[in-house]
Amino acid sequence: MKLTVVGCAGSVPGPDSAGSCYLVEQGGQRVLLDVGTGAVGPLQRHGDPADLDAVLITHAHPDHCSDLGSIAYLRDRVKAGPLDVYGPANLRAELNWRHPAPQFVFHDLPSELPSLGSLEVTFAAVEHGMESYAYRVGDALCYTGDTAPCESLDKLAQGCEVLLAEGAGFDDAGVPRHLTAGDAGRLAARAGAKLLVLTHLRSWLDHGRLLDEAARHANCPVILAHPHLRLQL
């Protein structure tokens, strides 16, 4: 399995990164985890959006889903078939699509489980003040999306090899409905993760300090996500 970080900025795009977007590839399957603001531009460095098999959306904030519209445009231009989009039931309303765009087939979680060929995907509802999900892809990867620490996330992350976790702030200030970098490190330790990749990096924060805070707690190597980072899982 290969993970490519397309965008890793938190809340809004940064000067060097689009919003959250992560490409997972295995056995010919190409799946996106989120597709936030500005992500479709750099995504095209890693392949044609018309070749995607599915998109998994954590929640309906723009920094995690707004570039679905750009994917729809590019796929329509080449007459690609409908793309499966899994996510919260409020996704279409938040995107102001009163009816499903013809380029997409929407699957509302938790009632419709992802079916993604060679990729075994599970998910858990997490705590972000709105309908929101974290995703697990096989034993290799757990992606937190945006969430406060919660039991469902601990359970989903248990035993993962790579934890892709937001670090939205610092322990000494706290970040409502988000993980701090310290929270991400503690989650990695509880899960027994072999690598913590810290993401959702807000441009106005000191990323070196985020890394240091997470590393104090993680009990595994910790790295900062950056655009076009590729990991073989």
C-alpha atoms as a PDB file:
ATOM      1  CA  MET A   1       0.000   0.000   0.000  1.00  0.00           C
ATOM      2  CA  LYS A   2       1.253   3.492  -0.819  1.00  0.00           C
ATOM      3  CA  LEU A   3       0.197   6.722   0.915  1.00  0.00           C
ATOM      4  CA  THR A   4       0.769  10.096  -0.753  1.00  0.00           C
ATOM      5  CA  VAL A   5       0.120  13.351   1.077  1.00  0.00           C
ATOM      6  CA  VAL A   6      -1.508  15.697  -1.433  1.00  0.00           C
ATOM      7  CA  GLY A   7      -2.409  18.452   1.042  1.00  0.00           C
ATOM      8  CA  CYS A   8      -1.996  18.718   4.803  1.00  0.00           C
ATOM      9  CA  ALA A   9      -2.922  22.298   5.789  1.00  0.00           C
ATOM     10  CA  GLY A  10      -5.386  22.792   8.623  1.00  0.00           C
ATOM     11  CA  SER A  11      -8.536  24.933   8.419  1.00  0.00           C
ATOM     12  CA  VAL A  12      -7.412  26.917   5.355  1.00  0.00           C
ATOM     13  CA  PRO A  13      -4.727  26.324   2.710  1.00  0.00           C
ATOM     14  CA  GLY A  14      -1.278  27.454   3.724  1.00  0.00           C
ATOM     15  CA  PRO A  15       1.376  29.139   1.577  1.00  0.00           C
ATOM     16  CA  ASP A  16       2.866  25.735   0.761  1.00  0.00           C
ATOM     17  CA  SER A  17      -0.042  23.308   1.069  1.00  0.00           C
ATOM     18  CA  ALA A  18      -3.639  22.695   0.094  1.00  0.00           C
ATOM     19  CA  GLY A  19      -6.228  21.422   2.550  1.00  0.00           C
ATOM     20  CA  SER A  20      -6.352  17.827   3.747  1.00  0.00           C
ATOM     21  CA  CYS A  21      -6.099  15.233   0.981  1.00  0.00           C
ATOM     22  CA  TYR A  22      -4.390  11.838   1.037  1.00  0.00           C
ATOM     23  CA  LEU A  23      -4.090   9.343  -1.818  1.00  0.00           C
ATOM     24  CA  VAL A  24      -4.058   5.633  -0.941  1.00  0.00           C
ATOM     25  CA  GLU A  25      -3.079   3.122  -3.627  1.00  0.00           C
ATOM     26  CA  GLN A  26      -3.045  -0.671  -3.548  1.00  0.00           C
ATOM     27  CA  GLY A  27      -3.639  -3.418  -6.069  1.00  0.00           C
ATOM     28  CA  GLY A  28      -4.685  -0.967  -8.757  1.00  0.00           C
ATOM     29  CA  GLN A  29      -7.170   0.810  -6.466  1.00  0.00           C
ATOM     30  CA  ARG A  30      -6.802   4.599  -6.018  1.00  0.00           C
ATOM     31  CA  VAL A  31      -8.779   6.141  -3.165  1.00  0.00           C
ATOM     32  CA  LEU A  32      -8.732   9.630  -1.652  1.00  0.00           C
ATOM     33  CA  LEU A  33      -9.117  10.349   2.032  1.00  0.00           C
ATOM     34  CA  ASP A  34     -10.650  13.854   2.003  1.00  0.00           C
ATOM     35  CA  VAL A  35     -10.204  16.421  -0.747  1.00  0.00           C
ATOM     36  CA  GLY A  36      -9.960  19.834   0.891  1.00  0.00           C
ATOM     37  CA  THR A  37      -9.566  23.349  -0.436  1.00  0.00           C
ATOM     38  CA  GLY A  38      -7.116  23.568  -3.324  1.00  0.00           C
ATOM     39  CA  ALA A  39      -6.211  19.866  -3.311  1.00  0.00           C
ATOM     40  CA  VAL A  40      -7.160  18.993  -6.876  1.00  0.00           C
ATOM     41  CA  GLY A  41      -4.300  21.073  -8.307  1.00  0.00           C
ATOM     42  CA  PRO A  42      -1.464  19.116  -6.645  1.00  0.00           C
ATOM     43  CA  LEU A  43      -3.464  15.883  -6.920  1.00  0.00           C
ATOM     44  CA  GLN A  44      -2.929  15.998 -10.680  1.00  0.00           C
ATOM     45  CA  ARG A  45       0.817  15.560 -10.105  1.00  0.00           C
ATOM     46  CA  HIS A  46       0.004  12.052  -8.890  1.00  0.00           C
ATOM     47  CA  GLY A  47      -2.478  10.940 -11.533  1.00  0.00           C
ATOM     48  CA  ASP A  48      -5.682  11.770 -13.328  1.00  0.00           C
ATOM     49  CA  PRO A  49      -8.726  12.411 -11.087  1.00  0.00           C
ATOM     50  CA  ALA A  50     -10.703  10.468 -13.699  1.00  0.00           C
ATOM     51  CA  ASP A  51      -8.839   7.344 -12.563  1.00  0.00           C
ATOM     52  CA  LEU A  52      -9.961   7.510  -8.936  1.00  0.00           C
ATOM     53  CA  ASP A  53     -12.060   4.634  -7.582  1.00  0.00           C
ATOM     54  CA  ALA A  54     -13.596   6.365  -4.540  1.00  0.00           C
ATOM     55  CA  VAL A  55     -13.366   9.306  -2.151  1.00  0.00           C
ATOM     56  CA  LEU A  56     -13.798   8.937   1.617  1.00  0.00           C
ATOM     57  CA  ILE A  57     -14.797  12.196   3.322  1.00  0.00           C
ATOM     58  CA  THR A  58     -14.372  12.603   7.065  1.00  0.00           C
ATOM     59  CA  HIS A  59     -16.738  15.545   7.499  1.00  0.00           C
ATOM     60  CA  ALA A  60     -18.328  18.427   5.630  1.00  0.00           C
ATOM     61  CA  HIS A  61     -15.980  21.293   6.501  1.00  0.00           C
ATOM     62  CA  PRO A  62     -14.521  22.918   3.353  1.00  0.00           C
ATOM     63  CA  ASP A  63     -10.893  22.151   4.234  1.00  0.00           C
ATOM     64  CA  HIS A  64     -11.816  18.461   3.927  1.00  0.00           C
ATOM     65  CA  CYS A  65     -14.332  18.303   1.078  1.00  0.00           C
ATOM     66  CA  SER A  66     -14.620  21.485  -0.982  1.00  0.00           C
ATOM     67  CA  ASP A  67     -12.604  20.260  -3.984  1.00  0.00           C
ATOM     68  CA  LEU A  68     -15.141  17.556  -4.768  1.00  0.00           C
ATOM     69  CA  GLY A  69     -16.590  20.153  -7.123  1.00  0.00           C
ATOM     70  CA  SER A  70     -13.293  20.378  -9.002  1.00  0.00           C
ATOM     71  CA  ILE A  71     -13.113  16.603  -9.272  1.00  0.00           C
ATOM     72  CA  ALA A  72     -16.640  16.599 -10.705  1.00  0.00           C
ATOM     73  CA  TYR A  73     -15.635  19.146 -13.338  1.00  0.00           C
ATOM     74  CA  LEU A  74     -12.518  17.270 -14.423  1.00  0.00           C
ATOM     75  CA  ARG A  75     -14.298  13.920 -14.570  1.00  0.00           C
ATOM     76  CA  ASP A  76     -17.198  15.363 -16.534  1.00  0.00           C
ATOM     77  CA  ARG A  77     -14.775  16.867 -19.055  1.00  0.00           C
ATOM     78  CA  VAL A  78     -13.529  13.385 -20.023  1.00  0.00           C
ATOM     79  CA  LYS A  79     -16.903  11.647 -19.485  1.00  0.00           C
ATOM     80  CA  ALA A  80     -15.595   9.458 -16.655  1.00  0.00           C
ATOM     81  CA  GLY A  81     -18.115   7.200 -14.959  1.00  0.00           C
ATOM     82  CA  PRO A  82     -19.756   8.040 -11.621  1.00  0.00           C
ATOM     83  CA  LEU A  83     -17.382   8.123  -8.647  1.00  0.00           C
ATOM     84  CA  ASP A  84     -18.329   6.624  -5.267  1.00  0.00           C
ATOM     85  CA  VAL A  85     -18.164   9.164  -2.438  1.00  0.00           C
ATOM     86  CA  TYR A  86     -18.528   7.934   1.146  1.00  0.00           C
ATOM     87  CA  GLY A  87     -19.110  10.350   4.001  1.00  0.00           C
ATOM     88  CA  PRO A  88     -21.576  11.996   6.365  1.00  0.00           C
ATOM     89  CA  ALA A  89     -25.224  12.292   5.433  1.00  0.00           C
ATOM     90  CA  ASN A  90     -25.040  16.115   5.452  1.00  0.00           C
ATOM     91  CA  LEU A  91     -22.292  16.233   2.825  1.00  0.00           C
ATOM     92  CA  ARG A  92     -24.492  17.034  -0.168  1.00  0.00           C
ATOM     93  CA  ALA A  93     -26.342  19.795   1.700  1.00  0.00           C
ATOM     94  CA  GLU A  94     -23.121  21.384   2.889  1.00  0.00           C
ATOM     95  CA  LEU A  95     -21.839  21.376  -0.674  1.00  0.00           C
ATOM     96  CA  ASN A  96     -25.100  23.040  -1.767  1.00  0.00           C
ATOM     97  CA  TRP A  97     -25.948  20.158  -4.073  1.00  0.00           C
ATOM     98  CA  ARG A  98     -29.668  19.584  -3.701  1.00  0.00           C
ATOM     99  CA  HIS A  99     -29.412  16.481  -5.867  1.00  0.00           C
ATOM    100  CA  PRO A 100     -26.414  14.202  -6.421  1.00  0.00           C
ATOM    101  CA  ALA A 101     -24.109  15.477  -9.147  1.00  0.00           C
ATOM    102  CA  PRO A 102     -24.090  12.971 -12.018  1.00  0.00           C
ATOM    103  CA  GLN A 103     -20.345  12.501 -11.548  1.00  0.00           C
ATOM    104  CA  PHE A 104     -20.877  11.035  -8.055  1.00  0.00           C
ATOM    105  CA  VAL A 105     -22.738   8.276  -6.268  1.00  0.00           C
ATOM    106  CA  PHE A 106     -23.054   9.377  -2.631  1.00  0.00           C
ATOM    107  CA  HIS A 107     -23.021   6.752   0.124  1.00  0.00           C
ATOM    108  CA  ASP A 108     -24.120   8.009   3.536  1.00  0.00           C
ATOM    109  CA  LEU A 109     -22.282   6.618   6.539  1.00  0.00           C
ATOM    110  CA  PRO A 110     -22.871   4.740   8.746  1.00  0.00           C
ATOM    111  CA  SER A 111     -25.586   2.952   6.762  1.00  0.00           C
ATOM    112  CA  GLU A 112     -23.480   2.208   3.659  1.00  0.00           C
ATOM    113  CA  LEU A 113     -20.127   0.510   4.155  1.00  0.00           C
ATOM    114  CA  PRO A 114     -17.217   1.266   1.818  1.00  0.00           C
ATOM    115  CA  SER A 115     -16.631  -1.440  -0.803  1.00  0.00           C
ATOM    116  CA  LEU A 116     -13.212  -0.762  -2.299  1.00  0.00           C
ATOM    117  CA  GLY A 117     -11.838  -3.918  -3.852  1.00  0.00           C
ATOM    118  CA  SER A 118      -8.458  -4.840  -2.398  1.00  0.00           C
ATOM    119  CA  LEU A 119      -8.661  -2.083   0.234  1.00  0.00           C
ATOM    120  CA  GLU A 120     -10.314  -3.141   3.482  1.00  0.00           C
ATOM    121  CA  VAL A 121     -11.789   0.042   4.957  1.00  0.00           C
ATOM    122  CA  THR A 122     -13.471   0.490   8.327  1.00  0.00           C
ATOM    123  CA  PHE A 123     -14.527   3.678  10.078  1.00  0.00           C
ATOM    124  CA  ALA A 124     -15.708   5.123  13.378  1.00  0.00           C
ATOM    125  CA  ALA A 125     -17.843   8.096  14.305  1.00  0.00           C
ATOM    126  CA  VAL A 126     -15.714  10.650  16.156  1.00  0.00           C
ATOM    127  CA  GLU A 127     -16.298  13.871  18.090  1.00  0.00           C
ATOM    128  CA  HIS A 128     -15.994  17.075  16.082  1.00  0.00           C
ATOM    129  CA  GLY A 129     -19.239  18.879  16.893  1.00  0.00           C
ATOM    130  CA  MET A 130     -20.846  17.601  13.684  1.00  0.00           C
ATOM    131  CA  GLU A 131     -21.169  14.240  11.934  1.00  0.00           C
ATOM    132  CA  SER A 132     -17.580  13.164  11.425  1.00  0.00           C
ATOM    133  CA  TYR A 133     -15.652   9.941  10.829  1.00  0.00           C
ATOM    134  CA  ALA A 134     -12.151   8.533  11.151  1.00  0.00           C
ATOM    135  CA  TYR A 135     -10.990   5.822   8.712  1.00  0.00           C
ATOM    136  CA  ARG A 136      -8.864   2.692   8.989  1.00  0.00           C
ATOM    137  CA  VAL A 137      -7.373   1.055   5.889  1.00  0.00           C
ATOM    138  CA  GLY A 138      -6.341  -2.506   6.669  1.00  0.00           C
ATOM    139  CA  ASP A 139      -3.702  -2.884   9.368  1.00  0.00           C
ATOM    140  CA  ALA A 140      -1.519  -0.256   7.745  1.00  0.00           C
ATOM    141  CA  LEU A 141      -3.206   3.126   8.175  1.00  0.00           C
ATOM    142  CA  CYS A 142      -5.537   4.987  10.514  1.00  0.00           C
ATOM    143  CA  TYR A 143      -6.572   8.542   9.625  1.00  0.00           C
ATOM    144  CA  THR A 144      -8.166  10.580  12.403  1.00  0.00           C
ATOM    145  CA  GLY A 145      -9.752  13.379  10.396  1.00  0.00           C
ATOM    146  CA  ASP A 146     -10.739  16.125  12.849  1.00  0.00           C
ATOM    147  CA  THR A 147     -11.841  15.041  16.305  1.00  0.00           C
ATOM    148  CA  ALA A 148     -11.453  15.473  20.013  1.00  0.00           C
ATOM    149  CA  PRO A 149      -9.899  12.506  21.820  1.00  0.00           C
ATOM    150  CA  CYS A 150     -12.542   9.791  22.111  1.00  0.00           C
ATOM    151  CA  GLU A 151     -12.924   6.088  22.840  1.00  0.00           C
ATOM    152  CA  SER A 152     -14.119   5.240  19.329  1.00  0.00           C
ATOM    153  CA  LEU A 153     -10.921   6.659  17.829  1.00  0.00           C
ATOM    154  CA  ASP A 154      -8.759   4.734  20.302  1.00  0.00           C
ATOM    155  CA  LYS A 155     -10.490   1.519  19.289  1.00  0.00           C
ATOM    156  CA  LEU A 156     -10.173   2.190  15.561  1.00  0.00           C
ATOM    157  CA  ALA A 157      -6.466   3.077  15.790  1.00  0.00           C
ATOM    158  CA  GLN A 158      -5.427   0.070  17.898  1.00  0.00           C
ATOM    159  CA  GLY A 159      -2.546  -1.789  16.282  1.00  0.00           C
ATOM    160  CA  CYS A 160      -2.219   0.389  13.172  1.00  0.00           C
ATOM    161  CA  GLU A 161       1.207   0.689  11.580  1.00  0.00           C
ATOM    162  CA  VAL A 162       0.902   4.349  10.559  1.00  0.00           C
ATOM    163  CA  LEU A 163      -1.261   6.869  12.385  1.00  0.00           C
ATOM    164  CA  LEU A 164      -2.100   9.912  10.251  1.00  0.00           C
ATOM    165  CA  ALA A 165      -3.315  12.289  12.936  1.00  0.00           C
ATOM    166  CA  GLU A 166      -4.135  15.950  13.135  1.00  0.00           C
ATOM    167  CA  GLY A 167      -2.060  18.200  15.340  1.00  0.00           C
ATOM    168  CA  ALA A 168      -4.271  21.268  15.438  1.00  0.00           C
ATOM    169  CA  GLY A 169      -2.656  22.998  18.401  1.00  0.00           C
ATOM    170  CA  PHE A 170      -0.782  22.670  21.670  1.00  0.00           C
ATOM    171  CA  ASP A 171      -1.634  21.074  24.990  1.00  0.00           C
ATOM    172  CA  ASP A 172      -1.141  24.302  26.936  1.00  0.00           C
ATOM    173  CA  ALA A 173      -3.878  26.082  24.958  1.00  0.00           C
ATOM    174  CA  GLY A 174      -6.190  23.255  23.954  1.00  0.00           C
ATOM    175  CA  VAL A 175      -8.205  23.113  20.757  1.00  0.00           C
ATOM    176  CA  PRO A 176     -11.939  22.364  21.120  1.00  0.00           C
ATOM    177  CA  ARG A 177     -13.123  19.436  18.990  1.00  0.00           C
ATOM    178  CA  HIS A 178      -9.604  18.761  17.677  1.00  0.00           C
ATOM    179  CA  LEU A 179      -6.512  16.793  18.661  1.00  0.00           C
ATOM    180  CA  THR A 180      -3.551  18.737  19.946  1.00  0.00           C
ATOM    181  CA  ALA A 181      -0.119  17.521  18.928  1.00  0.00           C
ATOM    182  CA  GLY A 182       0.179  16.028  22.390  1.00  0.00           C
ATOM    183  CA  ASP A 183      -3.142  14.240  21.945  1.00  0.00           C
ATOM    184  CA  ALA A 184      -1.856  12.772  18.682  1.00  0.00           C
ATOM    185  CA  GLY A 185       1.301  11.530  20.395  1.00  0.00           C
ATOM    186  CA  ARG A 186      -0.645   9.947  23.236  1.00  0.00           C
ATOM    187  CA  LEU A 187      -3.023   8.295  20.772  1.00  0.00           C
ATOM    188  CA  ALA A 188      -0.056   6.835  18.883  1.00  0.00           C
ATOM    189  CA  ALA A 189       1.333   5.424  22.135  1.00  0.00           C
ATOM    190  CA  ARG A 190      -2.002   3.888  23.175  1.00  0.00           C
ATOM    191  CA  ALA A 191      -2.478   2.405  19.700  1.00  0.00           C
ATOM    192  CA  GLY A 192       1.018   0.965  19.486  1.00  0.00           C
ATOM    193  CA  ALA A 193       1.562   2.732  16.153  1.00  0.00           C
ATOM    194  CA  LYS A 194       4.936   2.294  14.470  1.00  0.00           C
ATOM    195  CA  LEU A 195       4.903   5.778  12.908  1.00  0.00           C
ATOM    196  CA  LEU A 196       2.967   8.959  13.628  1.00  0.00           C
ATOM    197  CA  VAL A 197       2.485  11.379  10.737  1.00  0.00           C
ATOM    198  CA  LEU A 198       1.305  14.715  12.078  1.00  0.00           C
ATOM    199  CA  THR A 199      -1.041  16.573   9.731  1.00  0.00           C
ATOM    200  CA  HIS A 200      -3.780  19.248   9.596  1.00  0.00           C
ATOM    201  CA  LEU A 201      -0.930  21.708  10.149  1.00  0.00           C
ATOM    202  CA  ARG A 202      -2.184  25.248  10.594  1.00  0.00           C
ATOM    203  CA  SER A 203       0.129  27.696   8.843  1.00  0.00           C
ATOM    204  CA  TRP A 204       0.217  30.176  11.722  1.00  0.00           C
ATOM    205  CA  LEU A 205       1.520  27.645  14.248  1.00  0.00           C
ATOM    206  CA  ASP A 206       5.123  26.640  14.943  1.00  0.00           C
ATOM    207  CA  HIS A 207       5.309  23.251  13.231  1.00  0.00           C
ATOM    208  CA  GLY A 208       8.609  22.390  14.894  1.00  0.00           C
ATOM    209  CA  ARG A 209       6.992  22.871  18.275  1.00  0.00           C
ATOM    210  CA  LEU A 210       4.047  20.677  17.196  1.00  0.00           C
ATOM    211  CA  LEU A 211       6.500  17.954  16.222  1.00  0.00           C
ATOM    212  CA  ASP A 212       8.343  18.202  19.544  1.00  0.00           C
ATOM    213  CA  GLU A 213       5.118  18.035  21.550  1.00  0.00           C
ATOM    214  CA  ALA A 214       3.867  14.962  19.701  1.00  0.00           C
ATOM    215  CA  ALA A 215       7.241  13.219  19.950  1.00  0.00           C
ATOM    216  CA  ARG A 216       7.327  13.602  23.742  1.00  0.00           C
ATOM    217  CA  HIS A 217       4.362  11.245  24.026  1.00  0.00           C
ATOM    218  CA  ALA A 218       4.305   8.985  20.969  1.00  0.00           C
ATOM    219  CA  ASN A 219       6.703   6.101  21.770  1.00  0.00           C
ATOM    220  CA  CYS A 220       7.403   5.843  18.025  1.00  0.00           C
ATOM    221  CA  PRO A 221       9.000   7.973  15.309  1.00  0.00           C
ATOM    222  CA  VAL A 222       7.048  11.150  14.459  1.00  0.00           C
ATOM    223  CA  ILE A 223       7.243  13.125  11.222  1.00  0.00           C
ATOM    224  CA  LEU A 224       5.433  16.147   9.847  1.00  0.00           C
ATOM    225  CA  ALA A 225       3.253  15.640   6.798  1.00  0.00           C
ATOM    226  CA  HIS A 226       4.177  17.718   3.783  1.00  0.00           C
ATOM    227  CA  PRO A 227       2.808  17.886   0.233  1.00  0.00           C
ATOM    228  CA  HIS A 228       3.987  15.011  -1.993  1.00  0.00           C
ATOM    229  CA  LEU A 229       5.333  12.947   0.925  1.00  0.00           C
ATOM    230  CA  ARG A 230       5.096   9.287  -0.121  1.00  0.00           C
ATOM    231  CA  LEU A 231       5.158   6.343   2.260  1.00  0.00           C
ATOM    232  CA  GLN A 232       5.185   2.659   1.384  1.00  0.00           C
ATOM    233  CA  LEU A 233       3.070   0.929   4.029  1.00  0.00           C
END
